[in-house]
Amino acid sequence: MNTSIIIFSIVQAISISLGVGSATIAILNFFQAIKDGMIDPAERSFLGITYIVLRVAMIMILLTTISLAMFGYYQTGSDYITSYVIAQISLILILFVNATLMTLHIVPKALGPAIQASSWYSLGFILALAQQGLGGFTFTTFTLLYVGLIIVATFIIGAIMQYQRKN
């Protein structure tokens, strides 16, 4: 195996791990910050740092995924384009589009974080599957599970926000 592919794969895995962890912290910090109905400057500062880490992880994932795709396509041609690769690229695009929509305050408050969390966790999950040689799922199966995860995450986030409004 090419040393460059190994390095890019390691950096990609670290970046996905960093993104999953940061997304978890971002959501938990957001819930804590809005608990009293407003986000004070200190809370905004901590959220800002977390969002910077998320953006760095996203850029690293984008660059490593593009690099790995170029290596993979060069070595195997169109055989490289599997459901796993399509799912991974789809999730990365969704992360970028949703982050932009959230920054512009276009996406609803419960849906944006649910999509972002679902995308990060799905990206980590499919990477773990692929590393165990289980990346042979269909894109339809992936899509159904991903949409289901977004629905569950939206419900959970909405319920937590509703609970916090009452207390």
C-alpha atoms as a PDB file:
ATOM      1  CA  MET A   1       0.000   0.000   0.000  1.00  0.00           C
ATOM      2  CA  ASN A   2       1.216   3.461  -0.866  1.00  0.00           C
ATOM      3  CA  THR A   3       2.599   5.465   2.095  1.00  0.00           C
ATOM      4  CA  SER A   4       0.609   8.516   1.003  1.00  0.00           C
ATOM      5  CA  ILE A   5      -2.651   6.544   1.131  1.00  0.00           C
ATOM      6  CA  ILE A   6      -1.818   5.338   4.647  1.00  0.00           C
ATOM      7  CA  ILE A   7      -1.032   8.879   5.828  1.00  0.00           C
ATOM      8  CA  PHE A   8      -4.184  10.352   4.254  1.00  0.00           C
ATOM      9  CA  SER A   9      -6.282   7.521   5.710  1.00  0.00           C
ATOM     10  CA  ILE A  10      -4.893   8.143   9.193  1.00  0.00           C
ATOM     11  CA  VAL A  11      -5.429  11.900   8.946  1.00  0.00           C
ATOM     12  CA  GLN A  12      -8.946  11.311   7.636  1.00  0.00           C
ATOM     13  CA  ALA A  13      -9.778   8.975  10.539  1.00  0.00           C
ATOM     14  CA  ILE A  14      -8.363  11.462  13.067  1.00  0.00           C
ATOM     15  CA  SER A  15     -10.327  14.272  11.421  1.00  0.00           C
ATOM     16  CA  ILE A  16     -13.574  12.319  11.549  1.00  0.00           C
ATOM     17  CA  SER A  17     -12.926  11.470  15.209  1.00  0.00           C
ATOM     18  CA  LEU A  18     -12.205  15.119  15.942  1.00  0.00           C
ATOM     19  CA  GLY A  19     -15.407  16.120  14.169  1.00  0.00           C
ATOM     20  CA  VAL A  20     -17.580  13.549  15.964  1.00  0.00           C
ATOM     21  CA  GLY A  21     -16.195  14.571  19.351  1.00  0.00           C
ATOM     22  CA  SER A  22     -16.440  18.286  18.638  1.00  0.00           C
ATOM     23  CA  ALA A  23     -19.982  17.940  17.321  1.00  0.00           C
ATOM     24  CA  THR A  24     -20.955  16.153  20.534  1.00  0.00           C
ATOM     25  CA  ILE A  25     -19.392  18.895  22.655  1.00  0.00           C
ATOM     26  CA  ALA A  26     -20.972  21.600  20.470  1.00  0.00           C
ATOM     27  CA  ILE A  27     -24.464  20.214  20.967  1.00  0.00           C
ATOM     28  CA  LEU A  28     -24.011  19.700  24.710  1.00  0.00           C
ATOM     29  CA  ASN A  29     -22.530  23.191  25.141  1.00  0.00           C
ATOM     30  CA  PHE A  30     -25.352  24.663  23.055  1.00  0.00           C
ATOM     31  CA  PHE A  31     -27.967  23.028  25.293  1.00  0.00           C
ATOM     32  CA  GLN A  32     -26.183  24.332  28.363  1.00  0.00           C
ATOM     33  CA  ALA A  33     -25.836  27.807  26.854  1.00  0.00           C
ATOM     34  CA  ILE A  34     -29.523  28.165  25.967  1.00  0.00           C
ATOM     35  CA  LYS A  35     -30.714  26.706  29.267  1.00  0.00           C
ATOM     36  CA  ASP A  36     -31.306  30.167  30.720  1.00  0.00           C
ATOM     37  CA  GLY A  37     -32.797  31.525  27.495  1.00  0.00           C
ATOM     38  CA  MET A  38     -29.759  33.479  26.339  1.00  0.00           C
ATOM     39  CA  ILE A  39     -26.177  32.858  25.337  1.00  0.00           C
ATOM     40  CA  ASP A  40     -23.788  35.032  27.351  1.00  0.00           C
ATOM     41  CA  PRO A  41     -20.368  36.144  26.048  1.00  0.00           C
ATOM     42  CA  ALA A  42     -18.434  33.364  27.828  1.00  0.00           C
ATOM     43  CA  GLU A  43     -20.772  30.697  26.436  1.00  0.00           C
ATOM     44  CA  ARG A  44     -20.531  32.259  22.978  1.00  0.00           C
ATOM     45  CA  SER A  45     -16.727  32.159  23.251  1.00  0.00           C
ATOM     46  CA  PHE A  46     -16.658  28.446  24.123  1.00  0.00           C
ATOM     47  CA  LEU A  47     -19.108  27.670  21.322  1.00  0.00           C
ATOM     48  CA  GLY A  48     -16.973  29.705  18.926  1.00  0.00           C
ATOM     49  CA  ILE A  49     -13.848  27.701  19.760  1.00  0.00           C
ATOM     50  CA  THR A  50     -15.750  24.451  19.265  1.00  0.00           C
ATOM     51  CA  TYR A  51     -17.072  25.641  15.896  1.00  0.00           C
ATOM     52  CA  ILE A  52     -13.524  26.506  14.791  1.00  0.00           C
ATOM     53  CA  VAL A  53     -12.393  22.963  15.664  1.00  0.00           C
ATOM     54  CA  LEU A  54     -15.369  21.595  13.703  1.00  0.00           C
ATOM     55  CA  ARG A  55     -14.450  23.691  10.663  1.00  0.00           C
ATOM     56  CA  VAL A  56     -10.830  22.543  10.821  1.00  0.00           C
ATOM     57  CA  ALA A  57     -12.007  18.920  11.007  1.00  0.00           C
ATOM     58  CA  MET A  58     -14.338  19.490   8.046  1.00  0.00           C
ATOM     59  CA  ILE A  59     -11.579  20.998   5.909  1.00  0.00           C
ATOM     60  CA  MET A  60      -9.174  18.176   6.821  1.00  0.00           C
ATOM     61  CA  ILE A  61     -11.835  15.591   5.945  1.00  0.00           C
ATOM     62  CA  LEU A  62     -12.556  17.285   2.637  1.00  0.00           C
ATOM     63  CA  LEU A  63      -8.881  17.435   1.661  1.00  0.00           C
ATOM     64  CA  THR A  64      -8.094  13.864   2.723  1.00  0.00           C
ATOM     65  CA  THR A  65     -11.214  12.474   1.080  1.00  0.00           C
ATOM     66  CA  ILE A  66     -10.424  14.219  -2.193  1.00  0.00           C
ATOM     67  CA  SER A  67      -6.833  12.935  -2.016  1.00  0.00           C
ATOM     68  CA  LEU A  68      -7.917   9.370  -1.231  1.00  0.00           C
ATOM     69  CA  ALA A  69     -10.512   9.504  -4.022  1.00  0.00           C
ATOM     70  CA  MET A  70      -7.862  10.601  -6.495  1.00  0.00           C
ATOM     71  CA  PHE A  71      -5.513   7.782  -5.404  1.00  0.00           C
ATOM     72  CA  GLY A  72      -8.334   5.235  -5.407  1.00  0.00           C
ATOM     73  CA  TYR A  73      -9.681   6.259  -8.787  1.00  0.00           C
ATOM     74  CA  TYR A  74      -6.181   6.320 -10.267  1.00  0.00           C
ATOM     75  CA  GLN A  75      -5.502   2.782  -8.984  1.00  0.00           C
ATOM     76  CA  THR A  76      -8.849   1.096  -9.660  1.00  0.00           C
ATOM     77  CA  GLY A  77     -10.788   3.372 -11.985  1.00  0.00           C
ATOM     78  CA  SER A  78     -14.553   3.450 -11.665  1.00  0.00           C
ATOM     79  CA  ASP A  79     -14.464   0.404  -9.344  1.00  0.00           C
ATOM     80  CA  TYR A  80     -13.403   2.858  -6.624  1.00  0.00           C
ATOM     81  CA  ILE A  81     -16.828   4.521  -6.691  1.00  0.00           C
ATOM     82  CA  THR A  82     -18.706   2.273  -4.257  1.00  0.00           C
ATOM     83  CA  SER A  83     -21.772   2.938  -2.127  1.00  0.00           C
ATOM     84  CA  TYR A  84     -19.400   3.617   0.763  1.00  0.00           C
ATOM     85  CA  VAL A  85     -17.545   6.310  -1.193  1.00  0.00           C
ATOM     86  CA  ILE A  86     -20.802   7.873  -2.406  1.00  0.00           C
ATOM     87  CA  ALA A  87     -22.200   7.844   1.159  1.00  0.00           C
ATOM     88  CA  GLN A  88     -19.014   9.395   2.523  1.00  0.00           C
ATOM     89  CA  ILE A  89     -18.953  12.154  -0.093  1.00  0.00           C
ATOM     90  CA  SER A  90     -22.686  12.786   0.420  1.00  0.00           C
ATOM     91  CA  LEU A  91     -22.191  13.189   4.171  1.00  0.00           C
ATOM     92  CA  ILE A  92     -19.293  15.590   3.670  1.00  0.00           C
ATOM     93  CA  LEU A  93     -21.362  17.704   1.272  1.00  0.00           C
ATOM     94  CA  ILE A  94     -24.289  17.676   3.711  1.00  0.00           C
ATOM     95  CA  LEU A  95     -21.973  18.792   6.543  1.00  0.00           C
ATOM     96  CA  PHE A  96     -20.769  21.767   4.506  1.00  0.00           C
ATOM     97  CA  VAL A  97     -24.186  22.786   3.173  1.00  0.00           C
ATOM     98  CA  ASN A  98     -25.905  22.408   6.541  1.00  0.00           C
ATOM     99  CA  ALA A  99     -23.135  24.301   8.383  1.00  0.00           C
ATOM    100  CA  THR A 100     -23.530  27.152   5.893  1.00  0.00           C
ATOM    101  CA  LEU A 101     -27.321  27.164   6.270  1.00  0.00           C
ATOM    102  CA  MET A 102     -26.998  27.109  10.061  1.00  0.00           C
ATOM    103  CA  THR A 103     -24.532  30.026   9.976  1.00  0.00           C
ATOM    104  CA  LEU A 104     -26.973  32.001   7.819  1.00  0.00           C
ATOM    105  CA  HIS A 105     -29.838  31.029  10.193  1.00  0.00           C
ATOM    106  CA  ILE A 106     -31.820  29.527   7.309  1.00  0.00           C
ATOM    107  CA  VAL A 107     -32.382  26.048   8.749  1.00  0.00           C
ATOM    108  CA  PRO A 108     -34.723  25.562  11.759  1.00  0.00           C
ATOM    109  CA  LYS A 109     -32.987  25.449  15.165  1.00  0.00           C
ATOM    110  CA  ALA A 110     -33.887  21.813  15.903  1.00  0.00           C
ATOM    111  CA  LEU A 111     -33.271  20.504  12.375  1.00  0.00           C
ATOM    112  CA  GLY A 112     -29.820  22.022  11.719  1.00  0.00           C
ATOM    113  CA  PRO A 113     -28.101  20.481  14.757  1.00  0.00           C
ATOM    114  CA  ALA A 114     -29.918  17.180  14.130  1.00  0.00           C
ATOM    115  CA  ILE A 115     -28.618  17.028  10.559  1.00  0.00           C
ATOM    116  CA  GLN A 116     -25.122  17.999  11.657  1.00  0.00           C
ATOM    117  CA  ALA A 117     -24.990  15.456  14.499  1.00  0.00           C
ATOM    118  CA  SER A 118     -26.505  12.717  12.318  1.00  0.00           C
ATOM    119  CA  SER A 119     -23.996  13.460   9.572  1.00  0.00           C
ATOM    120  CA  TRP A 120     -20.994  13.379  11.909  1.00  0.00           C
ATOM    121  CA  TYR A 121     -22.098  10.179  13.636  1.00  0.00           C
ATOM    122  CA  SER A 122     -22.934   8.528  10.300  1.00  0.00           C
ATOM    123  CA  LEU A 123     -19.529   9.506   8.921  1.00  0.00           C
ATOM    124  CA  GLY A 124     -17.821   7.944  11.941  1.00  0.00           C
ATOM    125  CA  PHE A 125     -20.021   4.863  11.775  1.00  0.00           C
ATOM    126  CA  ILE A 126     -19.450   4.124   8.086  1.00  0.00           C
ATOM    127  CA  LEU A 127     -15.704   4.669   8.523  1.00  0.00           C
ATOM    128  CA  ALA A 128     -15.705   2.122  11.359  1.00  0.00           C
ATOM    129  CA  LEU A 129     -17.673  -0.310   9.181  1.00  0.00           C
ATOM    130  CA  ALA A 130     -15.281   0.137   6.263  1.00  0.00           C
ATOM    131  CA  GLN A 131     -12.243  -0.424   8.487  1.00  0.00           C
ATOM    132  CA  GLN A 132     -13.763  -3.754   9.514  1.00  0.00           C
ATOM    133  CA  GLY A 133     -14.380  -4.719   5.891  1.00  0.00           C
ATOM    134  CA  LEU A 134     -18.119  -4.059   6.192  1.00  0.00           C
ATOM    135  CA  GLY A 135     -18.434  -1.140   3.791  1.00  0.00           C
ATOM    136  CA  GLY A 136     -20.459  -3.135   1.262  1.00  0.00           C
ATOM    137  CA  PHE A 137     -23.859  -1.685   2.156  1.00  0.00           C
ATOM    138  CA  THR A 138     -26.190  -0.315  -0.516  1.00  0.00           C
ATOM    139  CA  PHE A 139     -26.727   3.403  -0.878  1.00  0.00           C
ATOM    140  CA  THR A 140     -30.471   2.836  -0.370  1.00  0.00           C
ATOM    141  CA  THR A 141     -29.844   1.139   2.979  1.00  0.00           C
ATOM    142  CA  PHE A 142     -27.495   3.947   3.980  1.00  0.00           C
ATOM    143  CA  THR A 143     -30.012   6.631   2.978  1.00  0.00           C
ATOM    144  CA  LEU A 144     -32.894   5.012   4.875  1.00  0.00           C
ATOM    145  CA  LEU A 145     -30.813   4.639   8.034  1.00  0.00           C
ATOM    146  CA  TYR A 146     -29.436   8.181   7.714  1.00  0.00           C
ATOM    147  CA  VAL A 147     -32.885   9.738   7.266  1.00  0.00           C
ATOM    148  CA  GLY A 148     -34.146   7.667  10.202  1.00  0.00           C
ATOM    149  CA  LEU A 149     -31.269   8.955  12.329  1.00  0.00           C
ATOM    150  CA  ILE A 150     -32.073  12.551  11.385  1.00  0.00           C
ATOM    151  CA  ILE A 151     -35.718  12.024  12.393  1.00  0.00           C
ATOM    152  CA  VAL A 152     -34.707  10.540  15.761  1.00  0.00           C
ATOM    153  CA  ALA A 153     -32.100  13.276  16.369  1.00  0.00           C
ATOM    154  CA  THR A 154     -34.615  16.005  15.449  1.00  0.00           C
ATOM    155  CA  PHE A 155     -37.118  14.559  17.912  1.00  0.00           C
ATOM    156  CA  ILE A 156     -34.514  14.303  20.692  1.00  0.00           C
ATOM    157  CA  ILE A 157     -33.147  17.810  20.144  1.00  0.00           C
ATOM    158  CA  GLY A 158     -36.663  19.241  19.921  1.00  0.00           C
ATOM    159  CA  ALA A 159     -37.681  17.459  23.122  1.00  0.00           C
ATOM    160  CA  ILE A 160     -34.612  18.736  24.990  1.00  0.00           C
ATOM    161  CA  MET A 161     -35.242  22.302  23.786  1.00  0.00           C
ATOM    162  CA  GLN A 162     -38.932  22.027  24.760  1.00  0.00           C
ATOM    163  CA  TYR A 163     -37.969  20.686  28.194  1.00  0.00           C
ATOM    164  CA  GLN A 164     -35.518  23.545  28.730  1.00  0.00           C
ATOM    165  CA  ARG A 165     -38.172  26.136  27.821  1.00  0.00           C
ATOM    166  CA  LYS A 166     -40.474  24.738  30.487  1.00  0.00           C
ATOM    167  CA  ASN A 167     -37.821  24.775  33.231  1.00  0.00           C
END
